[in-house]
Amino acid sequence: MVQEDANPTSPRPKRLLKDQVRLVKRRDCNRYEIAPIQEPLSFEKGFFVVIRACQLLAQKNNGIILVGVAGPSGAGKTVFTEKILNFMPSIAVISLDNYNDGSRIVDGNYDDPRLTE
């Protein structure tokens, strides 16, 4: 990965979380990732990192980015996405809620991979 500061001319020291959020360009393609942040983050700080990274990615990609949110049933994906929508109202959400075939659920396990076959 190639280190690339999103804001290389920032005179502030990298103490603020805003200044710690950096994008890293992958060598094998034209994509970026969030550079790891070493300190443990609360939900609020982690949420801020996601919002800031989306803003930085949008600047690099003519305003167009695609973000996937994954996790098991009940993990809070929909709530998290709605929270992002409150901060970034110009985004479009493509929801895949309720895509499982209810007749194939085994023992109430909505995370069984056979449901998506």
N, C-alpha and C. Protein backbone atom coordinates (compact mmCIF):
# COMPACT_ATOMS: atom_id res chain seq x y z
N MET A 1 0.83 -1.18 0.00
CA MET A 1 0.00 0.00 0.00
C MET A 1 0.87 1.24 0.00
N VAL A 2 0.40 2.26 -0.63
CA VAL A 2 1.11 3.52 -0.72
C VAL A 2 0.47 4.49 0.25
N GLN A 3 1.26 5.04 1.16
CA GLN A 3 0.72 6.01 2.10
C GLN A 3 0.47 7.31 1.36
N GLU A 4 -0.72 7.84 1.51
CA GLU A 4 -1.07 9.10 0.86
C GLU A 4 -1.93 9.89 1.83
N ASP A 5 -1.39 11.00 2.32
CA ASP A 5 -2.16 11.82 3.25
C ASP A 5 -3.28 12.51 2.51
N ALA A 6 -4.48 12.47 3.11
CA ALA A 6 -5.63 13.13 2.50
C ALA A 6 -5.50 14.65 2.58
N ASN A 7 -4.79 15.13 3.59
CA ASN A 7 -4.63 16.55 3.78
C ASN A 7 -3.16 16.83 4.12
N PRO A 8 -2.25 16.70 3.15
CA PRO A 8 -0.83 16.79 3.44
C PRO A 8 -0.35 18.17 3.88
N THR A 9 -1.11 19.23 3.63
CA THR A 9 -0.67 20.57 3.97
C THR A 9 -1.22 21.04 5.31
N SER A 10 -1.88 20.17 6.04
CA SER A 10 -2.45 20.56 7.32
C SER A 10 -1.35 20.92 8.30
N PRO A 11 -1.37 22.15 8.85
CA PRO A 11 -0.32 22.56 9.78
C PRO A 11 -0.51 21.99 11.19
N ARG A 12 -1.69 21.43 11.46
CA ARG A 12 -1.97 20.92 12.79
C ARG A 12 -1.25 19.61 13.05
N PRO A 13 -0.84 19.39 14.29
CA PRO A 13 -0.26 18.09 14.61
C PRO A 13 -1.33 17.01 14.52
N LYS A 14 -0.94 15.77 14.36
CA LYS A 14 -1.88 14.67 14.17
C LYS A 14 -2.47 14.19 15.49
N ARG A 15 -2.86 15.09 16.35
CA ARG A 15 -3.46 14.71 17.62
C ARG A 15 -4.97 14.57 17.51
N LEU A 16 -5.59 15.40 16.70
CA LEU A 16 -7.03 15.32 16.53
C LEU A 16 -7.37 14.11 15.68
N LEU A 17 -8.48 13.47 16.00
CA LEU A 17 -8.90 12.30 15.24
C LEU A 17 -9.10 12.64 13.77
N LYS A 18 -9.63 13.83 13.52
CA LYS A 18 -9.83 14.28 12.13
C LYS A 18 -8.54 14.20 11.33
N ASP A 19 -7.43 14.54 11.96
CA ASP A 19 -6.13 14.54 11.28
C ASP A 19 -5.52 13.14 11.20
N GLN A 20 -6.03 12.21 11.98
CA GLN A 20 -5.51 10.84 11.94
C GLN A 20 -6.16 10.02 10.83
N VAL A 21 -7.30 10.47 10.33
CA VAL A 21 -7.99 9.73 9.27
C VAL A 21 -7.27 9.99 7.95
N ARG A 22 -6.63 8.94 7.45
CA ARG A 22 -5.90 9.04 6.20
C ARG A 22 -6.33 7.91 5.28
N LEU A 23 -6.22 8.15 4.00
CA LEU A 23 -6.52 7.12 3.01
C LEU A 23 -5.21 6.52 2.52
N VAL A 24 -5.24 5.23 2.25
CA VAL A 24 -4.09 4.52 1.74
C VAL A 24 -4.48 3.94 0.38
N LYS A 25 -3.71 4.28 -0.64
CA LYS A 25 -4.00 3.76 -1.98
C LYS A 25 -3.39 2.37 -2.12
N ARG A 26 -4.19 1.44 -2.60
CA ARG A 26 -3.70 0.08 -2.82
C ARG A 26 -2.80 0.06 -4.05
N ARG A 27 -1.75 -0.72 -4.00
CA ARG A 27 -0.82 -0.81 -5.13
C ARG A 27 -1.41 -1.57 -6.31
N ASP A 28 -2.24 -2.56 -6.03
CA ASP A 28 -2.72 -3.45 -7.08
C ASP A 28 -3.93 -2.93 -7.85
N CYS A 29 -4.49 -1.82 -7.42
CA CYS A 29 -5.66 -1.28 -8.12
C CYS A 29 -5.80 0.20 -7.80
N ASN A 30 -6.85 0.80 -8.30
CA ASN A 30 -7.07 2.22 -8.10
C ASN A 30 -8.08 2.45 -6.98
N ARG A 31 -7.86 1.79 -5.85
CA ARG A 31 -8.78 1.91 -4.71
C ARG A 31 -8.03 2.41 -3.49
N TYR A 32 -8.82 2.94 -2.57
CA TYR A 32 -8.27 3.45 -1.32
C TYR A 32 -8.87 2.70 -0.14
N GLU A 33 -8.10 2.66 0.94
CA GLU A 33 -8.56 2.10 2.20
C GLU A 33 -8.28 3.12 3.29
N ILE A 34 -8.94 2.95 4.42
CA ILE A 34 -8.65 3.80 5.57
C ILE A 34 -7.39 3.26 6.23
N ALA A 35 -6.41 4.12 6.45
CA ALA A 35 -5.19 3.70 7.15
C ALA A 35 -5.57 3.33 8.59
N PRO A 36 -4.98 2.27 9.13
CA PRO A 36 -5.32 1.85 10.49
C PRO A 36 -5.07 2.96 11.51
N ILE A 37 -5.97 3.07 12.46
CA ILE A 37 -5.82 3.98 13.59
C ILE A 37 -5.54 3.10 14.80
N GLN A 38 -4.43 3.34 15.46
CA GLN A 38 -3.95 2.42 16.49
C GLN A 38 -4.74 2.47 17.80
N GLU A 39 -5.28 3.62 18.14
CA GLU A 39 -5.98 3.72 19.42
C GLU A 39 -7.37 3.09 19.35
N PRO A 40 -7.84 2.53 20.47
CA PRO A 40 -9.22 2.01 20.50
C PRO A 40 -10.20 3.17 20.34
N LEU A 41 -11.28 2.93 19.59
CA LEU A 41 -12.25 3.98 19.33
C LEU A 41 -13.60 3.63 19.93
N SER A 42 -14.26 4.63 20.49
CA SER A 42 -15.64 4.46 20.94
C SER A 42 -16.52 4.39 19.69
N PHE A 43 -17.79 4.06 19.87
CA PHE A 43 -18.70 4.04 18.72
C PHE A 43 -18.74 5.40 18.06
N GLU A 44 -18.83 6.47 18.86
CA GLU A 44 -18.93 7.81 18.31
C GLU A 44 -17.69 8.17 17.49
N LYS A 45 -16.51 7.84 18.01
CA LYS A 45 -15.28 8.15 17.27
C LYS A 45 -15.16 7.28 16.02
N GLY A 46 -15.53 6.01 16.13
CA GLY A 46 -15.51 5.14 14.96
C GLY A 46 -16.47 5.63 13.89
N PHE A 47 -17.64 6.10 14.33
CA PHE A 47 -18.62 6.65 13.40
C PHE A 47 -18.06 7.88 12.70
N PHE A 48 -17.39 8.74 13.46
CA PHE A 48 -16.77 9.93 12.87
C PHE A 48 -15.74 9.52 11.82
N VAL A 49 -14.95 8.49 12.11
CA VAL A 49 -13.93 8.02 11.16
C VAL A 49 -14.60 7.59 9.84
N VAL A 50 -15.72 6.88 9.94
CA VAL A 50 -16.43 6.44 8.74
C VAL A 50 -16.91 7.65 7.93
N ILE A 51 -17.52 8.62 8.60
CA ILE A 51 -18.01 9.83 7.91
C ILE A 51 -16.86 10.57 7.25
N ARG A 52 -15.77 10.76 7.99
CA ARG A 52 -14.61 11.49 7.46
C ARG A 52 -14.00 10.75 6.27
N ALA A 53 -13.89 9.43 6.38
CA ALA A 53 -13.33 8.63 5.28
C ALA A 53 -14.22 8.73 4.04
N CYS A 54 -15.53 8.71 4.23
CA CYS A 54 -16.45 8.86 3.09
C CYS A 54 -16.26 10.22 2.42
N GLN A 55 -16.08 11.26 3.21
CA GLN A 55 -15.85 12.59 2.65
C GLN A 55 -14.56 12.63 1.84
N LEU A 56 -13.49 12.04 2.40
CA LEU A 56 -12.21 12.03 1.70
C LEU A 56 -12.27 11.20 0.42
N LEU A 57 -12.94 10.05 0.49
CA LEU A 57 -13.08 9.21 -0.70
C LEU A 57 -13.88 9.92 -1.78
N ALA A 58 -14.94 10.61 -1.39
CA ALA A 58 -15.77 11.33 -2.36
C ALA A 58 -14.96 12.42 -3.06
N GLN A 59 -14.04 13.06 -2.35
CA GLN A 59 -13.19 14.07 -2.96
C GLN A 59 -12.27 13.47 -4.02
N LYS A 60 -11.84 12.25 -3.81
CA LYS A 60 -10.91 11.60 -4.74
C LYS A 60 -11.62 10.93 -5.91
N ASN A 61 -12.92 10.70 -5.80
CA ASN A 61 -13.64 9.95 -6.82
C ASN A 61 -14.79 10.73 -7.44
N ASN A 62 -14.62 12.00 -7.64
CA ASN A 62 -15.66 12.85 -8.25
C ASN A 62 -16.99 12.72 -7.54
N GLY A 63 -16.96 12.55 -6.24
CA GLY A 63 -18.19 12.50 -5.45
C GLY A 63 -18.89 11.17 -5.44
N ILE A 64 -18.33 10.15 -6.11
CA ILE A 64 -19.01 8.86 -6.19
C ILE A 64 -18.20 7.80 -5.44
N ILE A 65 -18.83 7.18 -4.46
CA ILE A 65 -18.20 6.08 -3.74
C ILE A 65 -19.26 5.03 -3.45
N LEU A 66 -18.81 3.83 -3.17
CA LEU A 66 -19.70 2.74 -2.78
C LEU A 66 -19.18 2.18 -1.47
N VAL A 67 -20.05 2.14 -0.47
CA VAL A 67 -19.68 1.62 0.84
C VAL A 67 -20.61 0.46 1.16
N GLY A 68 -20.05 -0.67 1.52
CA GLY A 68 -20.85 -1.82 1.93
C GLY A 68 -20.81 -1.96 3.44
N VAL A 69 -21.95 -2.27 4.02
CA VAL A 69 -22.04 -2.50 5.47
C VAL A 69 -22.50 -3.94 5.66
N ALA A 70 -21.68 -4.73 6.34
CA ALA A 70 -21.99 -6.15 6.52
C ALA A 70 -22.00 -6.51 8.00
N GLY A 71 -22.69 -7.59 8.31
CA GLY A 71 -22.72 -8.09 9.68
C GLY A 71 -23.88 -9.04 9.85
N PRO A 72 -23.89 -9.75 10.97
CA PRO A 72 -24.96 -10.72 11.22
C PRO A 72 -26.29 -10.03 11.53
N SER A 73 -27.35 -10.81 11.53
CA SER A 73 -28.68 -10.30 11.86
C SER A 73 -28.66 -9.62 13.23
N GLY A 74 -29.27 -8.46 13.30
CA GLY A 74 -29.38 -7.75 14.58
C GLY A 74 -28.13 -7.00 15.00
N ALA A 75 -27.14 -6.90 14.12
CA ALA A 75 -25.88 -6.24 14.48
C ALA A 75 -25.99 -4.72 14.47
N GLY A 76 -27.04 -4.17 13.84
CA GLY A 76 -27.22 -2.73 13.80
C GLY A 76 -26.84 -2.10 12.47
N LYS A 77 -26.80 -2.88 11.42
CA LYS A 77 -26.43 -2.35 10.10
C LYS A 77 -27.40 -1.28 9.62
N THR A 78 -28.69 -1.54 9.76
CA THR A 78 -29.70 -0.58 9.30
C THR A 78 -29.66 0.70 10.13
N VAL A 79 -29.54 0.57 11.44
CA VAL A 79 -29.47 1.75 12.32
C VAL A 79 -28.22 2.56 12.00
N PHE A 80 -27.10 1.87 11.80
CA PHE A 80 -25.84 2.54 11.47
C PHE A 80 -25.97 3.30 10.15
N THR A 81 -26.59 2.66 9.16
CA THR A 81 -26.77 3.29 7.85
C THR A 81 -27.68 4.51 7.95
N GLU A 82 -28.75 4.41 8.73
CA GLU A 82 -29.64 5.56 8.92
C GLU A 82 -28.92 6.71 9.61
N LYS A 83 -28.03 6.39 10.53
CA LYS A 83 -27.25 7.42 11.21
C LYS A 83 -26.32 8.13 10.22
N ILE A 84 -25.70 7.36 9.33
CA ILE A 84 -24.86 7.96 8.29
C ILE A 84 -25.70 8.85 7.39
N LEU A 85 -26.89 8.40 7.02
CA LEU A 85 -27.79 9.17 6.17
C LEU A 85 -28.13 10.52 6.81
N ASN A 86 -28.26 10.57 8.13
CA ASN A 86 -28.53 11.83 8.82
C ASN A 86 -27.38 12.83 8.65
N PHE A 87 -26.14 12.33 8.59
CA PHE A 87 -24.98 13.20 8.44
C PHE A 87 -24.68 13.53 6.98
N MET A 88 -25.06 12.62 6.09
CA MET A 88 -24.76 12.80 4.67
C MET A 88 -26.04 12.58 3.87
N PRO A 89 -26.96 13.55 3.87
CA PRO A 89 -28.28 13.35 3.25
C PRO A 89 -28.25 13.15 1.74
N SER A 90 -27.14 13.41 1.10
CA SER A 90 -27.09 13.25 -0.36
C SER A 90 -26.79 11.81 -0.79
N ILE A 91 -26.60 10.90 0.16
CA ILE A 91 -26.28 9.52 -0.22
C ILE A 91 -27.54 8.75 -0.60
N ALA A 92 -27.34 7.69 -1.35
CA ALA A 92 -28.43 6.78 -1.71
C ALA A 92 -28.18 5.46 -0.99
N VAL A 93 -29.20 4.93 -0.36
CA VAL A 93 -29.09 3.66 0.36
C VAL A 93 -29.76 2.57 -0.45
N ILE A 94 -29.03 1.51 -0.71
CA ILE A 94 -29.59 0.34 -1.38
C ILE A 94 -29.75 -0.72 -0.31
N SER A 95 -30.95 -0.93 0.13
CA SER A 95 -31.21 -1.85 1.23
C SER A 95 -31.43 -3.26 0.73
N LEU A 96 -30.83 -4.21 1.41
CA LEU A 96 -31.05 -5.61 1.11
C LEU A 96 -31.77 -6.30 2.27
N ASP A 97 -32.43 -5.51 3.12
CA ASP A 97 -33.22 -6.09 4.21
C ASP A 97 -34.31 -6.98 3.64
N ASN A 98 -34.61 -8.01 4.34
CA ASN A 98 -35.70 -8.93 3.98
C ASN A 98 -35.50 -9.62 2.63
N TYR A 99 -34.26 -9.87 2.26
CA TYR A 99 -34.03 -10.57 0.99
C TYR A 99 -34.05 -12.08 1.16
N ASN A 100 -34.05 -12.57 2.41
CA ASN A 100 -34.07 -14.01 2.65
C ASN A 100 -35.44 -14.60 2.34
N ASP A 101 -35.44 -15.81 1.86
CA ASP A 101 -36.67 -16.56 1.62
C ASP A 101 -37.10 -17.17 2.96
N GLY A 102 -38.14 -16.62 3.55
CA GLY A 102 -38.60 -17.05 4.86
C GLY A 102 -38.97 -18.52 4.95
N SER A 103 -39.33 -19.13 3.83
CA SER A 103 -39.72 -20.54 3.86
C SER A 103 -38.51 -21.46 4.03
N ARG A 104 -37.30 -20.92 3.87
CA ARG A 104 -36.09 -21.74 3.95
C ARG A 104 -35.37 -21.59 5.28
N ILE A 105 -35.90 -20.81 6.21
CA ILE A 105 -35.25 -20.59 7.50
C ILE A 105 -35.27 -21.88 8.31
N VAL A 106 -34.11 -22.26 8.82
CA VAL A 106 -33.96 -23.49 9.60
C VAL A 106 -33.70 -23.12 11.05
N ASP A 107 -34.55 -23.58 11.95
CA ASP A 107 -34.39 -23.36 13.39
C ASP A 107 -34.23 -21.88 13.75
N GLY A 108 -34.90 -21.00 13.03
CA GLY A 108 -34.85 -19.57 13.34
C GLY A 108 -33.50 -18.92 13.06
N ASN A 109 -32.62 -19.57 12.32
CA ASN A 109 -31.29 -19.05 12.04
C ASN A 109 -31.30 -18.27 10.72
N TYR A 110 -31.37 -16.95 10.84
CA TYR A 110 -31.38 -16.08 9.66
C TYR A 110 -29.99 -15.90 9.05
N ASP A 111 -28.95 -16.38 9.74
CA ASP A 111 -27.59 -16.23 9.25
C ASP A 111 -27.08 -17.48 8.55
N ASP A 112 -27.93 -18.46 8.37
CA ASP A 112 -27.53 -19.70 7.69
C ASP A 112 -27.22 -19.38 6.22
N PRO A 113 -26.01 -19.70 5.75
CA PRO A 113 -25.64 -19.36 4.37
C PRO A 113 -26.52 -20.00 3.31
N ARG A 114 -27.23 -21.06 3.65
CA ARG A 114 -28.11 -21.71 2.67
C ARG A 114 -29.26 -20.81 2.25
N LEU A 115 -29.57 -19.79 3.04
CA LEU A 115 -30.68 -18.89 2.71
C LEU A 115 -30.38 -18.04 1.48
N THR A 116 -29.13 -17.83 1.18
CA THR A 116 -28.78 -16.95 0.06
C THR A 116 -28.49 -17.72 -1.22
N GLU A 117 -28.62 -19.04 -1.19
CA GLU A 117 -28.34 -19.84 -2.39
C GLU A 117 -29.51 -19.79 -3.34
